[in-house]
Amino acid sequence: MKKYLLSLLLMPLAALAQAGDTCPDHLNGEYRKLHSSSTVDLCELLNNKPALVVNTASHCGFTKQFEGLEAVHQKYKDQGLVVVGFASDAFKQEANSEEEAATICFTNYGVSFTMLAPTEVTGESANALFAWLAEQTEEPSWNFNKYVIDPSAGGVEHFGSTAKPGSESLTQAIEAAL
């Protein structure tokens, strides 16, 4: 233990900063934005930031929640909350094309938060973030499951499809994460 503490004292400050900036495995990787060739580095987007992560589908009874998710994004973005939607066809309700999904998100609902191209969010094929979210809480059982990630507390809180973006319980979890 003494050797470890001594090595920390002798380590250059830049190396210390770099050592603290490592990315957890569940955030490693780049994801393509919805209907775009641009990509998003999840570590850069989410690491050490409070976040609301949602699995979405454009032809679902809960699709109208895009409006509420956008309102949450607008209300809390200046306080540091990152809202990110993962389009998914896990429950067979995604649009037939990314162009159609993008129109529904961006044109019909005015989504300005990060929306990612369709990816797996359940089972053994789930992307790394959703596999981790399932380990921390539970796997999405339908579209529009919401996960509030609180990096300061090191926790994740899960909200099912029926939890509206402006609900009291979700708002409390978001505000606690901020």
C-alpha atoms as a PDB file:
ATOM      1  CA  MET A   1       0.000   0.000   0.000  1.00  0.00           C
ATOM      2  CA  LYS A   2       2.849   2.401   0.869  1.00  0.00           C
ATOM      3  CA  LYS A   3       4.508   1.740  -2.489  1.00  0.00           C
ATOM      4  CA  TYR A   4       1.228   2.461  -4.300  1.00  0.00           C
ATOM      5  CA  LEU A   5       0.734   5.757  -2.442  1.00  0.00           C
ATOM      6  CA  LEU A   6       4.351   6.725  -3.034  1.00  0.00           C
ATOM      7  CA  SER A   7       4.001   5.981  -6.746  1.00  0.00           C
ATOM      8  CA  LEU A   8       0.913   8.215  -6.864  1.00  0.00           C
ATOM      9  CA  LEU A   9       2.848  11.029  -5.226  1.00  0.00           C
ATOM     10  CA  LEU A  10       5.651  10.692  -7.724  1.00  0.00           C
ATOM     11  CA  MET A  11       3.398  10.300 -10.774  1.00  0.00           C
ATOM     12  CA  PRO A  12       3.217  13.395 -13.002  1.00  0.00           C
ATOM     13  CA  LEU A  13      -0.095  15.247 -12.773  1.00  0.00           C
ATOM     14  CA  ALA A  14      -0.875  14.646 -16.458  1.00  0.00           C
ATOM     15  CA  ALA A  15      -0.520  10.900 -15.951  1.00  0.00           C
ATOM     16  CA  LEU A  16      -2.808  11.068 -12.910  1.00  0.00           C
ATOM     17  CA  ALA A  17      -5.454  12.921 -14.914  1.00  0.00           C
ATOM     18  CA  GLN A  18      -5.180  10.398 -17.731  1.00  0.00           C
ATOM     19  CA  ALA A  19      -5.438   7.463 -15.310  1.00  0.00           C
ATOM     20  CA  GLY A  20      -8.719   8.898 -13.955  1.00  0.00           C
ATOM     21  CA  ASP A  21     -10.150   9.330 -17.440  1.00  0.00           C
ATOM     22  CA  THR A  22     -10.354   5.661 -18.349  1.00  0.00           C
ATOM     23  CA  CYS A  23     -13.533   4.581 -19.996  1.00  0.00           C
ATOM     24  CA  PRO A  24     -15.591   1.741 -18.554  1.00  0.00           C
ATOM     25  CA  ASP A  25     -16.072  -1.236 -20.880  1.00  0.00           C
ATOM     26  CA  HIS A  26     -19.818  -0.648 -21.246  1.00  0.00           C
ATOM     27  CA  LEU A  27     -19.141   2.769 -22.810  1.00  0.00           C
ATOM     28  CA  ASN A  28     -16.337   1.716 -25.129  1.00  0.00           C
ATOM     29  CA  GLY A  29     -17.306   1.961 -28.752  1.00  0.00           C
ATOM     30  CA  GLU A  30     -18.734   4.180 -31.400  1.00  0.00           C
ATOM     31  CA  TYR A  31     -22.347   4.099 -32.493  1.00  0.00           C
ATOM     32  CA  ARG A  32     -23.731   5.540 -35.681  1.00  0.00           C
ATOM     33  CA  LYS A  33     -26.271   8.332 -35.371  1.00  0.00           C
ATOM     34  CA  LEU A  34     -29.747   7.668 -36.717  1.00  0.00           C
ATOM     35  CA  HIS A  35     -29.923   8.080 -40.517  1.00  0.00           C
ATOM     36  CA  SER A  36     -26.397   9.486 -40.662  1.00  0.00           C
ATOM     37  CA  SER A  37     -22.840   8.457 -41.417  1.00  0.00           C
ATOM     38  CA  SER A  38     -21.666  10.372 -38.307  1.00  0.00           C
ATOM     39  CA  THR A  39     -20.776   8.397 -35.212  1.00  0.00           C
ATOM     40  CA  VAL A  40     -20.884   9.043 -31.491  1.00  0.00           C
ATOM     41  CA  ASP A  41     -18.207   7.923 -29.045  1.00  0.00           C
ATOM     42  CA  LEU A  42     -20.261   6.752 -26.055  1.00  0.00           C
ATOM     43  CA  CYS A  43     -17.384   7.296 -23.660  1.00  0.00           C
ATOM     44  CA  GLU A  44     -17.078  10.910 -24.734  1.00  0.00           C
ATOM     45  CA  LEU A  45     -20.867  11.361 -24.668  1.00  0.00           C
ATOM     46  CA  LEU A  46     -21.689   9.629 -21.371  1.00  0.00           C
ATOM     47  CA  ASN A  47     -18.634   8.971 -19.190  1.00  0.00           C
ATOM     48  CA  ASN A  48     -19.020  10.628 -15.775  1.00  0.00           C
ATOM     49  CA  LYS A  49     -22.179  12.452 -16.894  1.00  0.00           C
ATOM     50  CA  PRO A  50     -25.720  12.025 -15.623  1.00  0.00           C
ATOM     51  CA  ALA A  51     -27.740  10.402 -18.385  1.00  0.00           C
ATOM     52  CA  LEU A  52     -31.172   9.262 -19.435  1.00  0.00           C
ATOM     53  CA  VAL A  53     -30.846   6.301 -21.816  1.00  0.00           C
ATOM     54  CA  VAL A  54     -33.930   5.031 -23.657  1.00  0.00           C
ATOM     55  CA  ASN A  55     -34.598   2.183 -26.088  1.00  0.00           C
ATOM     56  CA  THR A  56     -36.987   3.526 -28.713  1.00  0.00           C
ATOM     57  CA  ALA A  57     -39.140   2.394 -31.614  1.00  0.00           C
ATOM     58  CA  SER A  58     -40.955   4.562 -34.104  1.00  0.00           C
ATOM     59  CA  HIS A  59     -44.137   2.464 -34.494  1.00  0.00           C
ATOM     60  CA  CYS A  60     -45.062   1.772 -30.903  1.00  0.00           C
ATOM     61  CA  GLY A  61     -47.902   2.885 -28.691  1.00  0.00           C
ATOM     62  CA  PHE A  62     -45.295   4.717 -26.609  1.00  0.00           C
ATOM     63  CA  THR A  63     -43.749   6.598 -29.551  1.00  0.00           C
ATOM     64  CA  LYS A  64     -45.465   9.791 -28.396  1.00  0.00           C
ATOM     65  CA  GLN A  65     -43.003   9.748 -25.474  1.00  0.00           C
ATOM     66  CA  PHE A  66     -40.453  11.300 -27.856  1.00  0.00           C
ATOM     67  CA  GLU A  67     -42.189  14.610 -27.146  1.00  0.00           C
ATOM     68  CA  GLY A  68     -41.729  14.207 -23.385  1.00  0.00           C
ATOM     69  CA  LEU A  69     -38.146  13.005 -23.776  1.00  0.00           C
ATOM     70  CA  GLU A  70     -37.371  16.116 -25.807  1.00  0.00           C
ATOM     71  CA  ALA A  71     -38.935  18.263 -23.056  1.00  0.00           C
ATOM     72  CA  VAL A  72     -36.709  16.533 -20.470  1.00  0.00           C
ATOM     73  CA  HIS A  73     -33.689  17.132 -22.710  1.00  0.00           C
ATOM     74  CA  GLN A  74     -34.518  20.829 -23.068  1.00  0.00           C
ATOM     75  CA  LYS A  75     -35.189  21.267 -19.349  1.00  0.00           C
ATOM     76  CA  TYR A  76     -32.005  19.600 -18.071  1.00  0.00           C
ATOM     77  CA  LYS A  77     -29.368  19.806 -20.827  1.00  0.00           C
ATOM     78  CA  ASP A  78     -27.826  22.992 -19.405  1.00  0.00           C
ATOM     79  CA  GLN A  79     -27.492  21.240 -16.034  1.00  0.00           C
ATOM     80  CA  GLY A  80     -25.481  18.451 -17.665  1.00  0.00           C
ATOM     81  CA  LEU A  81     -28.041  15.714 -18.351  1.00  0.00           C
ATOM     82  CA  VAL A  82     -27.373  13.725 -21.505  1.00  0.00           C
ATOM     83  CA  VAL A  83     -30.404  12.139 -23.149  1.00  0.00           C
ATOM     84  CA  VAL A  84     -29.681   9.428 -25.677  1.00  0.00           C
ATOM     85  CA  GLY A  85     -32.118   7.247 -27.584  1.00  0.00           C
ATOM     86  CA  PHE A  86     -31.196   3.856 -28.979  1.00  0.00           C
ATOM     87  CA  ALA A  87     -33.470   2.933 -31.868  1.00  0.00           C
ATOM     88  CA  SER A  88     -34.192  -0.779 -31.743  1.00  0.00           C
ATOM     89  CA  ASP A  89     -36.343  -3.357 -33.444  1.00  0.00           C
ATOM     90  CA  ALA A  90     -36.138  -5.743 -30.487  1.00  0.00           C
ATOM     91  CA  PHE A  91     -39.927  -5.755 -30.219  1.00  0.00           C
ATOM     92  CA  LYS A  92     -40.627  -5.536 -33.969  1.00  0.00           C
ATOM     93  CA  GLN A  93     -41.979  -1.990 -33.948  1.00  0.00           C
ATOM     94  CA  GLU A  94     -39.200   0.003 -35.582  1.00  0.00           C
ATOM     95  CA  ALA A  95     -39.733   1.721 -38.908  1.00  0.00           C
ATOM     96  CA  ASN A  96     -38.807  -0.186 -42.069  1.00  0.00           C
ATOM     97  CA  SER A  97     -36.067   2.328 -42.882  1.00  0.00           C
ATOM     98  CA  GLU A  98     -33.835   4.670 -40.929  1.00  0.00           C
ATOM     99  CA  GLU A  99     -35.107   7.502 -43.107  1.00  0.00           C
ATOM    100  CA  GLU A 100     -38.653   6.858 -41.878  1.00  0.00           C
ATOM    101  CA  ALA A 101     -37.484   6.517 -38.264  1.00  0.00           C
ATOM    102  CA  ALA A 102     -35.551   9.783 -38.567  1.00  0.00           C
ATOM    103  CA  THR A 103     -38.606  11.567 -39.971  1.00  0.00           C
ATOM    104  CA  ILE A 104     -40.691  10.346 -37.038  1.00  0.00           C
ATOM    105  CA  CYS A 105     -38.069  11.402 -34.484  1.00  0.00           C
ATOM    106  CA  PHE A 106     -36.728  14.625 -35.902  1.00  0.00           C
ATOM    107  CA  THR A 107     -39.635  15.998 -37.958  1.00  0.00           C
ATOM    108  CA  ASN A 108     -42.739  14.684 -36.217  1.00  0.00           C
ATOM    109  CA  TYR A 109     -41.464  15.037 -32.634  1.00  0.00           C
ATOM    110  CA  GLY A 110     -38.676  17.632 -32.932  1.00  0.00           C
ATOM    111  CA  VAL A 111     -36.074  15.421 -31.270  1.00  0.00           C
ATOM    112  CA  SER A 112     -32.754  17.217 -30.815  1.00  0.00           C
ATOM    113  CA  PHE A 113     -31.128  14.834 -28.316  1.00  0.00           C
ATOM    114  CA  THR A 114     -28.770  12.143 -29.594  1.00  0.00           C
ATOM    115  CA  MET A 115     -30.583   9.367 -31.440  1.00  0.00           C
ATOM    116  CA  LEU A 116     -28.591   6.346 -32.509  1.00  0.00           C
ATOM    117  CA  ALA A 117     -29.133   3.973 -35.418  1.00  0.00           C
ATOM    118  CA  PRO A 118     -30.932   0.697 -34.676  1.00  0.00           C
ATOM    119  CA  THR A 119     -28.985  -1.598 -32.398  1.00  0.00           C
ATOM    120  CA  GLU A 120     -29.702  -4.633 -30.242  1.00  0.00           C
ATOM    121  CA  VAL A 121     -30.837  -3.858 -26.693  1.00  0.00           C
ATOM    122  CA  THR A 122     -31.862  -7.309 -25.422  1.00  0.00           C
ATOM    123  CA  GLY A 123     -30.427 -10.789 -25.064  1.00  0.00           C
ATOM    124  CA  GLU A 124     -26.958 -11.999 -25.882  1.00  0.00           C
ATOM    125  CA  SER A 125     -26.723  -9.633 -28.860  1.00  0.00           C
ATOM    126  CA  ALA A 126     -27.397  -6.506 -26.776  1.00  0.00           C
ATOM    127  CA  ASN A 127     -24.897  -3.715 -27.258  1.00  0.00           C
ATOM    128  CA  ALA A 128     -22.407  -3.259 -24.404  1.00  0.00           C
ATOM    129  CA  LEU A 129     -24.315  -0.446 -22.712  1.00  0.00           C
ATOM    130  CA  PHE A 130     -27.656  -2.280 -22.665  1.00  0.00           C
ATOM    131  CA  ALA A 131     -25.976  -5.492 -21.502  1.00  0.00           C
ATOM    132  CA  TRP A 132     -24.510  -3.503 -18.603  1.00  0.00           C
ATOM    133  CA  LEU A 133     -27.848  -1.779 -17.877  1.00  0.00           C
ATOM    134  CA  ALA A 134     -29.509  -5.217 -17.739  1.00  0.00           C
ATOM    135  CA  GLU A 135     -26.862  -6.379 -15.249  1.00  0.00           C
ATOM    136  CA  GLN A 136     -27.388  -3.288 -13.099  1.00  0.00           C
ATOM    137  CA  THR A 137     -31.197  -3.323 -13.169  1.00  0.00           C
ATOM    138  CA  GLU A 138     -33.153  -5.256 -15.781  1.00  0.00           C
ATOM    139  CA  GLU A 139     -33.341  -5.770 -19.504  1.00  0.00           C
ATOM    140  CA  PRO A 140     -35.946  -3.765 -21.423  1.00  0.00           C
ATOM    141  CA  SER A 141     -39.183  -5.722 -21.618  1.00  0.00           C
ATOM    142  CA  TRP A 142     -40.619  -3.405 -24.270  1.00  0.00           C
ATOM    143  CA  ASN A 143     -39.851  -0.157 -26.088  1.00  0.00           C
ATOM    144  CA  PHE A 144     -39.239   3.091 -24.216  1.00  0.00           C
ATOM    145  CA  ASN A 145     -37.622   1.661 -21.110  1.00  0.00           C
ATOM    146  CA  LYS A 146     -35.739   4.457 -19.406  1.00  0.00           C
ATOM    147  CA  TYR A 147     -32.507   4.249 -17.448  1.00  0.00           C
ATOM    148  CA  VAL A 148     -31.210   7.105 -15.322  1.00  0.00           C
ATOM    149  CA  ILE A 149     -27.469   6.798 -14.830  1.00  0.00           C
ATOM    150  CA  ASP A 150     -26.083   8.649 -11.811  1.00  0.00           C
ATOM    151  CA  PRO A 151     -22.279   8.620 -12.083  1.00  0.00           C
ATOM    152  CA  SER A 152     -21.695  10.346  -8.739  1.00  0.00           C
ATOM    153  CA  ALA A 153     -23.674   7.675  -6.852  1.00  0.00           C
ATOM    154  CA  GLY A 154     -22.540   4.928  -9.217  1.00  0.00           C
ATOM    155  CA  GLY A 155     -26.086   3.743  -9.752  1.00  0.00           C
ATOM    156  CA  VAL A 156     -28.709   3.130 -12.384  1.00  0.00           C
ATOM    157  CA  GLU A 157     -32.448   3.411 -11.919  1.00  0.00           C
ATOM    158  CA  HIS A 158     -34.807   1.651 -14.342  1.00  0.00           C
ATOM    159  CA  PHE A 159     -38.226   2.889 -15.429  1.00  0.00           C
ATOM    160  CA  GLY A 160     -40.504   0.824 -17.635  1.00  0.00           C
ATOM    161  CA  SER A 161     -42.375   1.843 -20.761  1.00  0.00           C
ATOM    162  CA  THR A 162     -45.382   3.199 -18.900  1.00  0.00           C
ATOM    163  CA  ALA A 163     -43.301   5.698 -16.900  1.00  0.00           C
ATOM    164  CA  LYS A 164     -43.846   8.980 -18.698  1.00  0.00           C
ATOM    165  CA  PRO A 165     -40.809  11.213 -19.241  1.00  0.00           C
ATOM    166  CA  GLY A 166     -42.340  13.949 -17.057  1.00  0.00           C
ATOM    167  CA  SER A 167     -43.459  11.629 -14.265  1.00  0.00           C
ATOM    168  CA  GLU A 168     -42.605  12.565 -10.708  1.00  0.00           C
ATOM    169  CA  SER A 169     -40.527   9.449 -10.053  1.00  0.00           C
ATOM    170  CA  LEU A 170     -38.432   9.858 -13.211  1.00  0.00           C
ATOM    171  CA  THR A 171     -37.999  13.586 -12.561  1.00  0.00           C
ATOM    172  CA  GLN A 172     -36.808  12.857  -9.010  1.00  0.00           C
ATOM    173  CA  ALA A 173     -34.263  10.334 -10.267  1.00  0.00           C
ATOM    174  CA  ILE A 174     -32.965  12.767 -12.889  1.00  0.00           C
ATOM    175  CA  GLU A 175     -32.683  15.621 -10.416  1.00  0.00           C
ATOM    176  CA  ALA A 176     -30.886  13.353  -7.915  1.00  0.00           C
ATOM    177  CA  ALA A 177     -28.389  12.402 -10.648  1.00  0.00           C
ATOM    178  CA  LEU A 178     -27.720  16.048 -11.423  1.00  0.00           C
END
